[in-house]
Amino acid sequence: HKKAKRYIATMPECADIAERIEILSLPPYSPDLNPIERVWRIARREQTHNTFFPDLQTLTDKLDNYFARFRDPNSKLVTL
């Protein structure tokens, strides 16, 4: 992560934006600053908490159906 700006500068497809990018470092462990952690927290609470799944496919299907609702912008994602 510390080498990100230098890496971006070497990428030809990023040449037009490399100078305008500002890299902001997050603390090593910062789940509250990472939006995907919030999405997973809600998914666990609403879909998998305290639930037994007989096999991995059942769990995968349940989560796939849940995350399919997030393909389009919605009020739940806006709050994150």
PDB file of N, CA and C in Angstrom:
ATOM      1  N   HIS A   1       0.815  -1.197   0.000  1.00  0.00           N
ATOM      2  CA  HIS A   1       0.000   0.000   0.000  1.00  0.00           C
ATOM      3  C   HIS A   1       0.857   1.258   0.000  1.00  0.00           C
ATOM      4  N   LYS A   2       1.994   1.196   0.637  1.00  0.00           N
ATOM      5  CA  LYS A   2       2.843   2.387   0.696  1.00  0.00           C
ATOM      6  C   LYS A   2       3.437   2.714  -0.667  1.00  0.00           C
ATOM      7  N   LYS A   3       3.521   1.722  -1.545  1.00  0.00           N
ATOM      8  CA  LYS A   3       4.109   1.934  -2.860  1.00  0.00           C
ATOM      9  C   LYS A   3       3.056   2.239  -3.918  1.00  0.00           C
ATOM     10  N   ALA A   4       1.831   2.454  -3.519  1.00  0.00           N
ATOM     11  CA  ALA A   4       0.726   2.602  -4.465  1.00  0.00           C
ATOM     12  C   ALA A   4       0.922   3.769  -5.427  1.00  0.00           C
ATOM     13  N   LYS A   5       1.289   4.927  -4.929  1.00  0.00           N
ATOM     14  CA  LYS A   5       1.425   6.095  -5.804  1.00  0.00           C
ATOM     15  C   LYS A   5       2.526   5.864  -6.841  1.00  0.00           C
ATOM     16  N   ARG A   6       3.637   5.273  -6.405  1.00  0.00           N
ATOM     17  CA  ARG A   6       4.718   4.993  -7.341  1.00  0.00           C
ATOM     18  C   ARG A   6       4.269   3.953  -8.378  1.00  0.00           C
ATOM     19  N   TYR A   7       3.518   2.961  -7.940  1.00  0.00           N
ATOM     20  CA  TYR A   7       3.006   1.927  -8.845  1.00  0.00           C
ATOM     21  C   TYR A   7       2.044   2.527  -9.862  1.00  0.00           C
ATOM     22  N   ILE A   8       1.142   3.384  -9.404  1.00  0.00           N
ATOM     23  CA  ILE A   8       0.175   4.018 -10.300  1.00  0.00           C
ATOM     24  C   ILE A   8       0.893   4.867 -11.339  1.00  0.00           C
ATOM     25  N   ALA A   9       1.946   5.533 -10.930  1.00  0.00           N
ATOM     26  CA  ALA A   9       2.695   6.387 -11.854  1.00  0.00           C
ATOM     27  C   ALA A   9       3.321   5.588 -12.994  1.00  0.00           C
ATOM     28  N   THR A  10       3.563   4.302 -12.807  1.00  0.00           N
ATOM     29  CA  THR A  10       4.183   3.473 -13.857  1.00  0.00           C
ATOM     30  C   THR A  10       3.150   2.853 -14.791  1.00  0.00           C
ATOM     31  N   MET A  11       1.890   3.004 -14.485  1.00  0.00           N
ATOM     32  CA  MET A  11       0.835   2.395 -15.300  1.00  0.00           C
ATOM     33  C   MET A  11       0.426   3.353 -16.411  1.00  0.00           C
ATOM     34  N   PRO A  12       0.614   2.980 -17.667  1.00  0.00           N
ATOM     35  CA  PRO A  12       0.281   3.886 -18.773  1.00  0.00           C
ATOM     36  C   PRO A  12      -1.184   4.306 -18.788  1.00  0.00           C
ATOM     37  N   GLU A  13      -2.085   3.407 -18.404  1.00  0.00           N
ATOM     38  CA  GLU A  13      -3.507   3.738 -18.429  1.00  0.00           C
ATOM     39  C   GLU A  13      -3.894   4.756 -17.360  1.00  0.00           C
ATOM     40  N   CYS A  14      -2.990   5.012 -16.406  1.00  0.00           N
ATOM     41  CA  CYS A  14      -3.254   5.989 -15.341  1.00  0.00           C
ATOM     42  C   CYS A  14      -2.441   7.268 -15.517  1.00  0.00           C
ATOM     43  N   ALA A  15      -1.764   7.405 -16.634  1.00  0.00           N
ATOM     44  CA  ALA A  15      -0.869   8.546 -16.832  1.00  0.00           C
ATOM     45  C   ALA A  15      -1.589   9.883 -16.708  1.00  0.00           C
ATOM     46  N   ASP A  16      -2.835   9.937 -17.161  1.00  0.00           N
ATOM     47  CA  ASP A  16      -3.555  11.208 -17.137  1.00  0.00           C
ATOM     48  C   ASP A  16      -4.033  11.614 -15.743  1.00  0.00           C
ATOM     49  N   ILE A  17      -4.077  10.679 -14.804  1.00  0.00           N
ATOM     50  CA  ILE A  17      -4.562  11.011 -13.455  1.00  0.00           C
ATOM     51  C   ILE A  17      -3.522  10.814 -12.361  1.00  0.00           C
ATOM     52  N   ALA A  18      -2.372  10.260 -12.685  1.00  0.00           N
ATOM     53  CA  ALA A  18      -1.371   9.892 -11.670  1.00  0.00           C
ATOM     54  C   ALA A  18      -0.970  11.067 -10.784  1.00  0.00           C
ATOM     55  N   GLU A  19      -0.863  12.251 -11.344  1.00  0.00           N
ATOM     56  CA  GLU A  19      -0.444  13.411 -10.555  1.00  0.00           C
ATOM     57  C   GLU A  19      -1.559  13.960  -9.673  1.00  0.00           C
ATOM     58  N   ARG A  20      -2.801  13.632 -10.006  1.00  0.00           N
ATOM     59  CA  ARG A  20      -3.933  14.164  -9.249  1.00  0.00           C
ATOM     60  C   ARG A  20      -4.416  13.226  -8.150  1.00  0.00           C
ATOM     61  N   ILE A  21      -3.832  12.053  -8.070  1.00  0.00           N
ATOM     62  CA  ILE A  21      -4.261  11.074  -7.070  1.00  0.00           C
ATOM     63  C   ILE A  21      -3.608  11.374  -5.731  1.00  0.00           C
ATOM     64  N   GLU A  22      -4.415  11.347  -4.707  1.00  0.00           N
ATOM     65  CA  GLU A  22      -3.896  11.485  -3.348  1.00  0.00           C
ATOM     66  C   GLU A  22      -4.187  10.192  -2.600  1.00  0.00           C
ATOM     67  N   ILE A  23      -3.144   9.535  -2.134  1.00  0.00           N
ATOM     68  CA  ILE A  23      -3.289   8.285  -1.410  1.00  0.00           C
ATOM     69  C   ILE A  23      -3.449   8.596   0.074  1.00  0.00           C
ATOM     70  N   LEU A  24      -4.538   8.124   0.648  1.00  0.00           N
ATOM     71  CA  LEU A  24      -4.787   8.302   2.074  1.00  0.00           C
ATOM     72  C   LEU A  24      -4.612   6.950   2.755  1.00  0.00           C
ATOM     73  N   SER A  25      -3.704   6.883   3.676  1.00  0.00           N
ATOM     74  CA  SER A  25      -3.449   5.632   4.371  1.00  0.00           C
ATOM     75  C   SER A  25      -4.433   5.455   5.513  1.00  0.00           C
ATOM     76  N   LEU A  26      -4.973   4.252   5.611  1.00  0.00           N
ATOM     77  CA  LEU A  26      -5.848   3.910   6.719  1.00  0.00           C
ATOM     78  C   LEU A  26      -5.015   3.244   7.808  1.00  0.00           C
ATOM     79  N   PRO A  27      -5.480   3.287   9.033  1.00  0.00           N
ATOM     80  CA  PRO A  27      -4.789   2.545  10.082  1.00  0.00           C
ATOM     81  C   PRO A  27      -4.766   1.057   9.723  1.00  0.00           C
ATOM     82  N   PRO A  28      -3.827   0.288  10.276  1.00  0.00           N
ATOM     83  CA  PRO A  28      -3.710  -1.128   9.906  1.00  0.00           C
ATOM     84  C   PRO A  28      -5.008  -1.918  10.069  1.00  0.00           C
ATOM     85  N   TYR A  29      -5.735  -1.681  11.120  1.00  0.00           N
ATOM     86  CA  TYR A  29      -7.007  -2.371  11.316  1.00  0.00           C
ATOM     87  C   TYR A  29      -8.075  -1.317  11.510  1.00  0.00           C
ATOM     88  N   SER A  30      -8.914  -1.130  10.500  1.00  0.00           N
ATOM     89  CA  SER A  30      -9.927  -0.078  10.585  1.00  0.00           C
ATOM     90  C   SER A  30     -11.211  -0.515   9.888  1.00  0.00           C
ATOM     91  N   PRO A  31     -11.897  -1.520  10.408  1.00  0.00           N
ATOM     92  CA  PRO A  31     -13.105  -1.999   9.741  1.00  0.00           C
ATOM     93  C   PRO A  31     -14.203  -0.950   9.644  1.00  0.00           C
ATOM     94  N   ASP A  32     -14.246   0.005  10.557  1.00  0.00           N
ATOM     95  CA  ASP A  32     -15.288   1.031  10.500  1.00  0.00           C
ATOM     96  C   ASP A  32     -15.068   2.011   9.355  1.00  0.00           C
ATOM     97  N   LEU A  33     -13.856   2.057   8.825  1.00  0.00           N
ATOM     98  CA  LEU A  33     -13.563   2.949   7.709  1.00  0.00           C
ATOM     99  C   LEU A  33     -13.677   2.243   6.365  1.00  0.00           C
ATOM    100  N   ASN A  34     -13.945   0.955   6.378  1.00  0.00           N
ATOM    101  CA  ASN A  34     -14.021   0.164   5.158  1.00  0.00           C
ATOM    102  C   ASN A  34     -15.488  -0.189   4.897  1.00  0.00           C
ATOM    103  N   PRO A  35     -16.107   0.379   3.867  1.00  0.00           N
ATOM    104  CA  PRO A  35     -17.537   0.170   3.642  1.00  0.00           C
ATOM    105  C   PRO A  35     -17.935  -1.293   3.460  1.00  0.00           C
ATOM    106  N   ILE A  36     -17.079  -2.108   2.866  1.00  0.00           N
ATOM    107  CA  ILE A  36     -17.464  -3.503   2.650  1.00  0.00           C
ATOM    108  C   ILE A  36     -17.630  -4.236   3.973  1.00  0.00           C
ATOM    109  N   GLU A  37     -16.895  -3.818   4.989  1.00  0.00           N
ATOM    110  CA  GLU A  37     -17.066  -4.433   6.310  1.00  0.00           C
ATOM    111  C   GLU A  37     -18.457  -4.145   6.859  1.00  0.00           C
ATOM    112  N   ARG A  38     -18.976  -2.976   6.570  1.00  0.00           N
ATOM    113  CA  ARG A  38     -20.330  -2.634   7.015  1.00  0.00           C
ATOM    114  C   ARG A  38     -21.367  -3.474   6.276  1.00  0.00           C
ATOM    115  N   VAL A  39     -21.145  -3.673   4.978  1.00  0.00           N
ATOM    116  CA  VAL A  39     -22.059  -4.504   4.192  1.00  0.00           C
ATOM    117  C   VAL A  39     -22.080  -5.924   4.750  1.00  0.00           C
ATOM    118  N   TRP A  40     -20.894  -6.473   5.043  1.00  0.00           N
ATOM    119  CA  TRP A  40     -20.839  -7.834   5.595  1.00  0.00           C
ATOM    120  C   TRP A  40     -21.492  -7.902   6.966  1.00  0.00           C
ATOM    121  N   ARG A  41     -21.342  -6.881   7.775  1.00  0.00           N
ATOM    122  CA  ARG A  41     -21.966  -6.872   9.105  1.00  0.00           C
ATOM    123  C   ARG A  41     -23.491  -6.944   8.982  1.00  0.00           C
ATOM    124  N   ILE A  42     -24.045  -6.165   8.053  1.00  0.00           N
ATOM    125  CA  ILE A  42     -25.489  -6.194   7.835  1.00  0.00           C
ATOM    126  C   ILE A  42     -25.921  -7.543   7.267  1.00  0.00           C
ATOM    127  N   ALA A  43     -25.154  -8.071   6.321  1.00  0.00           N
ATOM    128  CA  ALA A  43     -25.500  -9.366   5.727  1.00  0.00           C
ATOM    129  C   ALA A  43     -25.510 -10.462   6.790  1.00  0.00           C
ATOM    130  N   ARG A  44     -24.526 -10.464   7.649  1.00  0.00           N
ATOM    131  CA  ARG A  44     -24.495 -11.477   8.717  1.00  0.00           C
ATOM    132  C   ARG A  44     -25.690 -11.325   9.640  1.00  0.00           C
ATOM    133  N   ARG A  45     -25.981 -10.084  10.016  1.00  0.00           N
ATOM    134  CA  ARG A  45     -27.090  -9.847  10.948  1.00  0.00           C
ATOM    135  C   ARG A  45     -28.431 -10.260  10.338  1.00  0.00           C
ATOM    136  N   GLU A  46     -28.641  -9.920   9.064  1.00  0.00           N
ATOM    137  CA  GLU A  46     -29.944 -10.151   8.447  1.00  0.00           C
ATOM    138  C   GLU A  46     -30.104 -11.534   7.820  1.00  0.00           C
ATOM    139  N   GLN A  47     -29.007 -12.183   7.445  1.00  0.00           N
ATOM    140  CA  GLN A  47     -29.136 -13.414   6.673  1.00  0.00           C
ATOM    141  C   GLN A  47     -28.537 -14.661   7.321  1.00  0.00           C
ATOM    142  N   THR A  48     -27.442 -14.524   8.023  1.00  0.00           N
ATOM    143  CA  THR A  48     -26.759 -15.738   8.475  1.00  0.00           C
ATOM    144  C   THR A  48     -26.655 -15.875   9.988  1.00  0.00           C
ATOM    145  N   HIS A  49     -26.982 -14.840  10.735  1.00  0.00           N
ATOM    146  CA  HIS A  49     -26.819 -14.892  12.179  1.00  0.00           C
ATOM    147  C   HIS A  49     -27.667 -15.999  12.793  1.00  0.00           C
ATOM    148  N   ASN A  50     -27.024 -16.829  13.573  1.00  0.00           N
ATOM    149  CA  ASN A  50     -27.711 -17.865  14.342  1.00  0.00           C
ATOM    150  C   ASN A  50     -28.505 -18.821  13.441  1.00  0.00           C
ATOM    151  N   THR A  51     -27.977 -19.092  12.259  1.00  0.00           N
ATOM    152  CA  THR A  51     -28.645 -19.956  11.285  1.00  0.00           C
ATOM    153  C   THR A  51     -27.710 -21.092  10.902  1.00  0.00           C
ATOM    154  N   PHE A  52     -28.263 -22.286  10.853  1.00  0.00           N
ATOM    155  CA  PHE A  52     -27.496 -23.450  10.415  1.00  0.00           C
ATOM    156  C   PHE A  52     -27.716 -23.649   8.922  1.00  0.00           C
ATOM    157  N   PHE A  53     -26.642 -23.822   8.190  1.00  0.00           N
ATOM    158  CA  PHE A  53     -26.712 -24.116   6.765  1.00  0.00           C
ATOM    159  C   PHE A  53     -26.141 -25.517   6.555  1.00  0.00           C
ATOM    160  N   PRO A  54     -26.919 -26.420   5.999  1.00  0.00           N
ATOM    161  CA  PRO A  54     -26.477 -27.810   5.880  1.00  0.00           C
ATOM    162  C   PRO A  54     -25.276 -28.002   4.959  1.00  0.00           C
ATOM    163  N   ASP A  55     -25.089 -27.067   4.027  1.00  0.00           N
ATOM    164  CA  ASP A  55     -23.929 -27.182   3.144  1.00  0.00           C
ATOM    165  C   ASP A  55     -23.552 -25.791   2.623  1.00  0.00           C
ATOM    166  N   LEU A  56     -22.395 -25.733   2.021  1.00  0.00           N
ATOM    167  CA  LEU A  56     -21.868 -24.457   1.533  1.00  0.00           C
ATOM    168  C   LEU A  56     -22.733 -23.880   0.420  1.00  0.00           C
ATOM    169  N   GLN A  57     -23.300 -24.723  -0.421  1.00  0.00           N
ATOM    170  CA  GLN A  57     -24.129 -24.244  -1.525  1.00  0.00           C
ATOM    171  C   GLN A  57     -25.365 -23.511  -1.020  1.00  0.00           C
ATOM    172  N   THR A  58     -25.961 -23.975   0.049  1.00  0.00           N
ATOM    173  CA  THR A  58     -27.137 -23.312   0.619  1.00  0.00           C
ATOM    174  C   THR A  58     -26.770 -21.918   1.121  1.00  0.00           C
ATOM    175  N   LEU A  59     -25.654 -21.828   1.811  1.00  0.00           N
ATOM    176  CA  LEU A  59     -25.182 -20.523   2.285  1.00  0.00           C
ATOM    177  C   LEU A  59     -24.875 -19.600   1.112  1.00  0.00           C
ATOM    178  N   THR A  60     -24.191 -20.121   0.112  1.00  0.00           N
ATOM    179  CA  THR A  60     -23.839 -19.324  -1.064  1.00  0.00           C
ATOM    180  C   THR A  60     -25.083 -18.807  -1.773  1.00  0.00           C
ATOM    181  N   ASP A  61     -26.075 -19.670  -1.946  1.00  0.00           N
ATOM    182  CA  ASP A  61     -27.315 -19.254  -2.606  1.00  0.00           C
ATOM    183  C   ASP A  61     -28.017 -18.156  -1.821  1.00  0.00           C
ATOM    184  N   LYS A  62     -28.064 -18.312  -0.513  1.00  0.00           N
ATOM    185  CA  LYS A  62     -28.730 -17.311   0.335  1.00  0.00           C
ATOM    186  C   LYS A  62     -28.038 -15.950   0.214  1.00  0.00           C
ATOM    187  N   LEU A  63     -26.713 -15.951   0.274  1.00  0.00           N
ATOM    188  CA  LEU A  63     -25.971 -14.688   0.179  1.00  0.00           C
ATOM    189  C   LEU A  63     -26.017 -14.104  -1.231  1.00  0.00           C
ATOM    190  N   ASP A  64     -25.972 -14.968  -2.253  1.00  0.00           N
ATOM    191  CA  ASP A  64     -26.090 -14.468  -3.629  1.00  0.00           C
ATOM    192  C   ASP A  64     -27.412 -13.745  -3.833  1.00  0.00           C
ATOM    193  N   ASN A  65     -28.494 -14.333  -3.341  1.00  0.00           N
ATOM    194  CA  ASN A  65     -29.805 -13.693  -3.471  1.00  0.00           C
ATOM    195  C   ASN A  65     -29.858 -12.376  -2.698  1.00  0.00           C
ATOM    196  N   TYR A  66     -29.244 -12.359  -1.530  1.00  0.00           N
ATOM    197  CA  TYR A  66     -29.227 -11.139  -0.718  1.00  0.00           C
ATOM    198  C   TYR A  66     -28.440 -10.027  -1.410  1.00  0.00           C
ATOM    199  N   PHE A  67     -27.244 -10.359  -1.898  1.00  0.00           N
ATOM    200  CA  PHE A  67     -26.399  -9.344  -2.530  1.00  0.00           C
ATOM    201  C   PHE A  67     -26.930  -8.907  -3.895  1.00  0.00           C
ATOM    202  N   ALA A  68     -27.763  -9.712  -4.527  1.00  0.00           N
ATOM    203  CA  ALA A  68     -28.352  -9.318  -5.808  1.00  0.00           C
ATOM    204  C   ALA A  68     -29.198  -8.057  -5.648  1.00  0.00           C
ATOM    205  N   ARG A  69     -29.752  -7.862  -4.459  1.00  0.00           N
ATOM    206  CA  ARG A  69     -30.550  -6.649  -4.211  1.00  0.00           C
ATOM    207  C   ARG A  69     -29.697  -5.388  -4.219  1.00  0.00           C
ATOM    208  N   PHE A  70     -28.398  -5.524  -4.043  1.00  0.00           N
ATOM    209  CA  PHE A  70     -27.512  -4.361  -3.989  1.00  0.00           C
ATOM    210  C   PHE A  70     -26.962  -3.961  -5.357  1.00  0.00           C
ATOM    211  N   ARG A  71     -27.360  -4.654  -6.404  1.00  0.00           N
ATOM    212  CA  ARG A  71     -26.853  -4.295  -7.734  1.00  0.00           C
ATOM    213  C   ARG A  71     -27.281  -2.891  -8.135  1.00  0.00           C
ATOM    214  N   ASP A  72     -28.476  -2.525  -7.734  1.00  0.00           N
ATOM    215  CA  ASP A  72     -28.977  -1.181  -8.011  1.00  0.00           C
ATOM    216  C   ASP A  72     -28.881  -0.356  -6.730  1.00  0.00           C
ATOM    217  N   PRO A  73     -28.627   0.943  -6.852  1.00  0.00           N
ATOM    218  CA  PRO A  73     -28.580   1.778  -5.647  1.00  0.00           C
ATOM    219  C   PRO A  73     -29.876   1.653  -4.842  1.00  0.00           C
ATOM    220  N   ASN A  74     -29.729   1.630  -3.545  1.00  0.00           N
ATOM    221  CA  ASN A  74     -30.903   1.546  -2.682  1.00  0.00           C
ATOM    222  C   ASN A  74     -30.615   2.277  -1.381  1.00  0.00           C
ATOM    223  N   SER A  75     -31.644   2.445  -0.570  1.00  0.00           N
ATOM    224  CA  SER A  75     -31.514   3.246   0.650  1.00  0.00           C
ATOM    225  C   SER A  75     -30.568   2.616   1.658  1.00  0.00           C
ATOM    226  N   LYS A  76     -30.470   1.293   1.684  1.00  0.00           N
ATOM    227  CA  LYS A  76     -29.581   0.639   2.640  1.00  0.00           C
ATOM    228  C   LYS A  76     -28.114   0.941   2.323  1.00  0.00           C
ATOM    229  N   LEU A  77     -27.748   0.877   1.045  1.00  0.00           N
ATOM    230  CA  LEU A  77     -26.363   1.181   0.672  1.00  0.00           C
ATOM    231  C   LEU A  77     -26.024   2.642   0.888  1.00  0.00           C
ATOM    232  N   VAL A  78     -26.974   3.516   0.664  1.00  0.00           N
ATOM    233  CA  VAL A  78     -26.732   4.953   0.851  1.00  0.00           C
ATOM    234  C   VAL A  78     -26.355   5.250   2.297  1.00  0.00           C
ATOM    235  N   THR A  79     -26.954   4.523   3.243  1.00  0.00           N
ATOM    236  CA  THR A  79     -26.660   4.792   4.657  1.00  0.00           C
ATOM    237  C   THR A  79     -25.254   4.360   5.041  1.00  0.00           C
ATOM    238  N   LEU A  80     -24.641   3.493   4.250  1.00  0.00           N
ATOM    239  CA  LEU A  80     -23.289   3.040   4.585  1.00  0.00           C
ATOM    240  C   LEU A  80     -22.278   4.064   4.157  1.00  0.00           C
TER     241      LEU A  80
END
